[in-house]
């Protein structure tokens, strides 16, 4: 396998903001113990990089047949820094692994995003087509994802507020601690598996079909709030500490379940 020829940029001072604009590229943001931010990139990126007033700004250069190339960029962010991140991408892949950041925004067209074990003040993703997976992330304030189509999945996350809207596609919020969650899809399904029990939440669920938890139907007023809307799809809702029920009784009725048990 041919090894890519990587080039290097190293910041000369602490960086408070990272601003990146790329197309048809793979961007990786990773945490490092090194004291200075540095960037590694393939020759096909041909970036213009400017460092000014605590910010590093990168703009991908356009060359002949640039839309056919797939350059890569890796940004090594020191653990001692908490920079803001702004990434604008077209037909790109964005990965953020580890690290602590201020406000982070990923936006553009046709974006595949993967975020693992990172912490943010606020996190925003917005694209016409978005495939987003976030695992074990922490967001102090708001985690926001909006797309015309695609998929949004948050698993094992902690955030004060999760706000996810996909017009045509699915949304998942599983094992995540959120004080306030809004999940909305016009043409797609929603899966929400929440910590705790039903009485912990104030619920507002609207969908063409509902499955999962056997909701009590009571108007609970829990300290947390969950609003789920799937206009033409299904909402799968369950709670990790929900009381279990006898599935035989659900399927056959109490008497039939007793007969099945002693058969």
Protein backbone atom coordinates (compact mmCIF):
# COMPACT_ATOMS: atom_id res chain seq x y z
CA UNK A 1 0.00 0.00 0.00
CA UNK A 2 1.42 3.36 -0.99
CA UNK A 3 2.07 5.66 1.95
CA UNK A 4 0.73 9.17 1.65
CA UNK A 5 3.22 12.02 1.69
CA UNK A 6 2.10 14.12 4.67
CA UNK A 7 3.01 17.73 5.28
CA UNK A 8 3.10 19.51 8.64
CA UNK A 9 1.98 22.82 10.12
CA UNK A 10 2.75 23.73 13.75
CA UNK A 11 1.19 26.66 15.61
CA UNK A 12 3.59 29.08 17.28
CA UNK A 13 1.27 30.03 20.18
CA UNK A 14 -1.77 28.75 22.08
CA UNK A 15 -4.81 28.35 19.85
CA UNK A 16 -8.28 29.46 20.97
CA UNK A 17 -10.14 28.77 17.72
CA UNK A 18 -9.78 26.31 14.84
CA UNK A 19 -11.51 27.28 11.59
CA UNK A 20 -11.45 24.75 8.74
CA UNK A 21 -13.06 24.76 5.29
CA UNK A 22 -12.65 21.68 3.08
CA UNK A 23 -14.40 19.67 0.38
CA UNK A 24 -14.26 15.97 -0.43
CA UNK A 25 -11.79 15.54 2.43
CA UNK A 26 -11.39 13.56 5.64
CA UNK A 27 -10.82 15.67 8.76
CA UNK A 28 -9.68 14.15 12.03
CA UNK A 29 -9.51 16.10 15.30
CA UNK A 30 -7.54 14.22 17.96
CA UNK A 31 -6.28 15.03 21.43
CA UNK A 32 -2.54 15.06 22.14
CA UNK A 33 -0.24 15.57 25.14
CA UNK A 34 2.06 17.76 23.05
CA UNK A 35 2.11 21.45 24.06
CA UNK A 36 1.45 22.95 20.61
CA UNK A 37 -1.31 22.41 18.06
CA UNK A 38 -0.12 20.87 14.82
CA UNK A 39 -1.73 19.76 11.57
CA UNK A 40 -0.77 16.91 9.28
CA UNK A 41 -2.23 16.92 5.79
CA UNK A 42 -1.84 15.15 2.47
CA UNK A 43 -0.34 17.04 -0.44
CA UNK A 44 -3.65 16.99 -2.31
CA UNK A 45 -5.23 19.30 0.27
CA UNK A 46 -3.06 22.26 -0.83
CA UNK A 47 -4.28 24.41 2.08
CA UNK A 48 -3.82 28.07 2.83
CA UNK A 49 -3.15 28.26 6.59
CA UNK A 50 -3.10 31.45 8.61
CA UNK A 51 -2.38 31.92 12.30
CA UNK A 52 -3.64 35.13 13.84
CA UNK A 53 -4.86 36.38 17.23
CA UNK A 54 -5.21 32.95 18.78
CA UNK A 55 -6.91 31.40 15.74
CA UNK A 56 -5.73 28.96 13.10
CA UNK A 57 -7.63 29.27 9.82
CA UNK A 58 -7.31 26.63 7.07
CA UNK A 59 -8.83 26.86 3.60
CA UNK A 60 -8.44 24.02 1.14
CA UNK A 61 -7.00 25.03 -2.19
CA UNK A 62 -8.76 24.27 -5.47
CA UNK A 63 -6.70 22.54 -8.13
CA UNK A 64 -7.42 20.79 -11.41
CA UNK A 65 -9.69 17.80 -10.77
CA UNK A 66 -9.88 18.71 -7.08
CA UNK A 67 -13.36 17.19 -6.82
CA UNK A 68 -11.91 13.77 -7.69
CA UNK A 69 -9.31 13.82 -4.92
CA UNK A 70 -9.77 12.65 -1.32
CA UNK A 71 -7.20 14.53 0.79
CA UNK A 72 -6.84 14.09 4.54
CA UNK A 73 -6.22 16.45 7.45
CA UNK A 74 -5.38 15.52 11.04
CA UNK A 75 -5.41 18.23 13.72
CA UNK A 76 -3.58 17.38 16.95
CA UNK A 77 -5.10 19.51 19.73
CA UNK A 78 -3.16 19.83 23.02
CA UNK A 79 -4.97 18.58 26.10
CA UNK A 80 -4.16 21.86 27.83
CA UNK A 81 -6.22 23.88 25.33
CA UNK A 82 -10.01 24.32 25.11
CA UNK A 83 -10.47 25.82 21.62
CA UNK A 84 -13.62 26.52 19.67
CA UNK A 85 -13.98 24.47 16.47
CA UNK A 86 -15.66 25.52 13.24
CA UNK A 87 -15.61 23.03 10.34
CA UNK A 88 -17.33 23.64 7.01
CA UNK A 89 -17.24 20.60 4.74
CA UNK A 90 -18.71 19.48 1.43
CA UNK A 91 -18.93 15.71 0.88
CA UNK A 92 -16.60 15.19 3.79
CA UNK A 93 -15.88 12.91 6.73
CA UNK A 94 -15.27 14.47 10.15
CA UNK A 95 -13.99 12.56 13.17
CA UNK A 96 -13.43 14.03 16.64
CA UNK A 97 -11.75 11.73 19.16
CA UNK A 98 -11.16 12.79 22.75
CA UNK A 99 -10.31 16.28 23.94
CA UNK A 100 -12.13 19.16 25.60
CA UNK A 101 -13.49 21.98 23.44
CA UNK A 102 -15.50 25.16 23.70
CA UNK A 103 -18.22 25.67 21.08
CA UNK A 104 -17.99 23.23 18.17
CA UNK A 105 -19.84 23.60 14.87
CA UNK A 106 -19.73 21.20 11.91
CA UNK A 107 -21.80 22.26 8.90
CA UNK A 108 -22.03 21.80 5.16
CA UNK A 109 -23.27 19.28 2.61
CA UNK A 110 -23.22 15.48 2.69
CA UNK A 111 -21.27 15.01 5.93
CA UNK A 112 -20.36 11.82 7.73
CA UNK A 113 -19.46 12.63 11.35
CA UNK A 114 -18.15 10.43 14.14
CA UNK A 115 -17.52 11.83 17.64
CA UNK A 116 -16.07 9.72 20.46
CA UNK A 117 -15.24 10.56 24.06
CA UNK A 118 -15.02 14.33 23.58
CA UNK A 119 -16.40 17.16 25.72
CA UNK A 120 -17.90 20.46 24.53
CA UNK A 121 -19.56 23.61 25.83
CA UNK A 122 -21.98 23.42 22.90
CA UNK A 123 -22.09 21.12 19.88
CA UNK A 124 -23.87 21.85 16.59
CA UNK A 125 -24.07 19.80 13.40
CA UNK A 126 -26.02 20.99 10.37
CA UNK A 127 -26.08 19.57 6.85
CA UNK A 128 -28.44 18.73 4.02
CA UNK A 129 -27.36 15.06 4.31
CA UNK A 130 -25.89 14.04 7.65
CA UNK A 131 -24.77 10.68 9.02
CA UNK A 132 -23.79 11.36 12.63
CA UNK A 133 -22.76 9.00 15.41
CA UNK A 134 -21.73 10.28 18.84
CA UNK A 135 -20.55 7.91 21.56
CA UNK A 136 -19.79 8.77 25.19
CA UNK A 137 -19.65 12.54 24.64
CA UNK A 138 -20.29 15.30 27.18
CA UNK A 139 -21.99 18.57 26.22
CA UNK A 140 -22.30 21.13 28.99
CA UNK A 141 -25.17 22.98 27.36
CA UNK A 142 -26.79 22.12 24.00
CA UNK A 143 -26.16 19.30 21.54
CA UNK A 144 -27.93 20.26 18.32
CA UNK A 145 -28.20 18.27 15.07
CA UNK A 146 -30.27 19.32 12.05
CA UNK A 147 -30.46 17.72 8.61
CA UNK A 148 -32.71 17.39 5.60
CA UNK A 149 -31.91 13.69 5.43
CA UNK A 150 -29.73 11.06 7.03
CA UNK A 151 -29.25 9.61 10.50
CA UNK A 152 -28.41 10.99 13.95
CA UNK A 153 -27.37 8.68 16.80
CA UNK A 154 -26.29 9.69 20.31
CA UNK A 155 -25.31 6.86 22.64
CA UNK A 156 -24.04 7.10 26.21
CA UNK A 157 -24.00 10.89 25.97
CA UNK A 158 -24.46 13.48 28.69
CA UNK A 159 -25.90 16.86 27.77
CA UNK A 160 -28.14 19.42 29.35
CA UNK A 161 -30.25 19.66 26.19
CA UNK A 162 -30.39 17.47 23.09
CA UNK A 163 -32.17 18.98 20.09
CA UNK A 164 -32.26 16.75 16.98
CA UNK A 165 -34.32 17.34 13.83
CA UNK A 166 -34.12 15.20 10.65
CA UNK A 167 -36.73 15.69 7.93
CA UNK A 168 -36.12 12.35 6.19
CA UNK A 169 -34.28 9.91 8.38
CA UNK A 170 -33.91 8.27 11.75
CA UNK A 171 -32.88 9.53 15.19
CA UNK A 172 -31.52 7.54 18.13
CA UNK A 173 -30.93 8.65 21.71
CA UNK A 174 -29.82 5.65 23.77
CA UNK A 175 -28.51 5.48 27.32
CA UNK A 176 -27.96 9.23 27.35
CA UNK A 177 -28.47 11.57 30.28
CA UNK A 178 -30.37 14.66 29.08
CA UNK A 179 -32.37 17.10 31.18
CA UNK A 180 -34.32 18.18 28.11
CA UNK A 181 -34.56 16.32 24.79
CA UNK A 182 -36.43 17.18 21.59
CA UNK A 183 -36.37 14.57 18.81
CA UNK A 184 -38.26 15.24 15.58
CA UNK A 185 -38.50 13.47 12.22
CA UNK A 186 -41.01 14.11 9.43
CA UNK A 187 -40.31 10.87 7.55
CA UNK A 188 -38.38 8.47 9.75
CA UNK A 189 -38.26 6.61 13.04
CA UNK A 190 -37.13 7.62 16.52
CA UNK A 191 -35.55 5.33 19.08
CA UNK A 192 -35.19 6.65 22.64
CA UNK A 193 -33.93 4.41 25.43
CA UNK A 194 -33.71 6.64 28.46
CA UNK A 195 -32.05 6.14 31.86
CA UNK A 196 -34.40 5.91 34.82
CA UNK A 197 -38.12 5.29 34.69
CA UNK A 198 -41.17 6.89 33.10
CA UNK A 199 -42.04 8.96 36.17
CA UNK A 200 -38.66 10.74 35.91
CA UNK A 201 -39.82 12.44 32.71
CA UNK A 202 -42.42 14.82 31.40
CA UNK A 203 -43.34 13.13 28.13
CA UNK A 204 -44.83 14.39 24.87
CA UNK A 205 -44.89 11.68 22.20
CA UNK A 206 -46.46 11.98 18.76
CA UNK A 207 -46.11 9.36 16.03
CA UNK A 208 -47.90 7.18 13.51
CA UNK A 209 -46.98 4.20 15.71
CA UNK A 210 -45.56 3.71 19.20
CA UNK A 211 -43.69 0.68 20.49
CA UNK A 212 -41.45 -0.27 23.37
CA UNK A 213 -42.41 0.84 26.86
CA UNK A 214 -45.91 0.16 28.17
CA UNK A 215 -46.64 3.76 29.11
CA UNK A 216 -48.85 4.31 32.11
CA UNK A 217 -50.86 6.99 30.36
CA UNK A 218 -50.60 9.17 33.43
CA UNK A 219 -49.63 12.82 33.06
CA UNK A 220 -46.35 12.58 34.91
CA UNK A 221 -44.39 15.73 35.60
CA UNK A 222 -40.86 14.47 36.05
CA UNK A 223 -37.84 16.70 36.43
CA UNK A 224 -36.59 15.76 32.95
CA UNK A 225 -38.39 16.36 29.67
CA UNK A 226 -38.60 14.26 26.50
CA UNK A 227 -40.47 15.28 23.35
CA UNK A 228 -40.47 12.81 20.48
CA UNK A 229 -42.26 13.34 17.17
CA UNK A 230 -42.25 11.00 14.17
CA UNK A 231 -44.91 12.36 11.81
CA UNK A 232 -44.90 9.38 9.41
CA UNK A 233 -42.86 6.88 11.37
CA UNK A 234 -42.57 4.99 14.63
CA UNK A 235 -41.34 6.06 18.05
CA UNK A 236 -39.62 3.30 20.00
CA UNK A 237 -39.54 4.46 23.63
CA UNK A 238 -38.20 2.56 26.60
CA UNK A 239 -36.63 3.19 29.99
CA UNK A 240 -33.59 1.40 31.35
CA UNK A 241 -35.13 1.00 34.82
CA UNK A 242 -38.71 0.46 33.66
CA UNK A 243 -40.74 -2.14 35.60
CA UNK A 244 -40.83 -5.41 33.68
CA UNK A 245 -44.14 -7.01 32.66
CA UNK A 246 -45.07 -10.62 31.91
CA UNK A 247 -44.76 -10.95 28.14
CA UNK A 248 -46.97 -14.06 28.17
CA UNK A 249 -49.76 -12.08 29.80
CA UNK A 250 -49.35 -9.37 27.17
CA UNK A 251 -49.60 -11.88 24.34
CA UNK A 252 -52.16 -14.39 25.62
CA UNK A 253 -53.98 -12.82 28.55
CA UNK A 254 -53.60 -13.73 32.22
CA UNK A 255 -55.36 -17.12 32.10
CA UNK A 256 -53.55 -18.25 28.95
CA UNK A 257 -50.24 -17.15 30.46
CA UNK A 258 -50.93 -19.31 33.52
CA UNK A 259 -51.66 -22.28 31.27
CA UNK A 260 -48.48 -21.66 29.28
CA UNK A 261 -46.48 -21.48 32.51
CA UNK A 262 -47.72 -24.90 33.76
CA UNK A 263 -47.84 -26.64 30.40
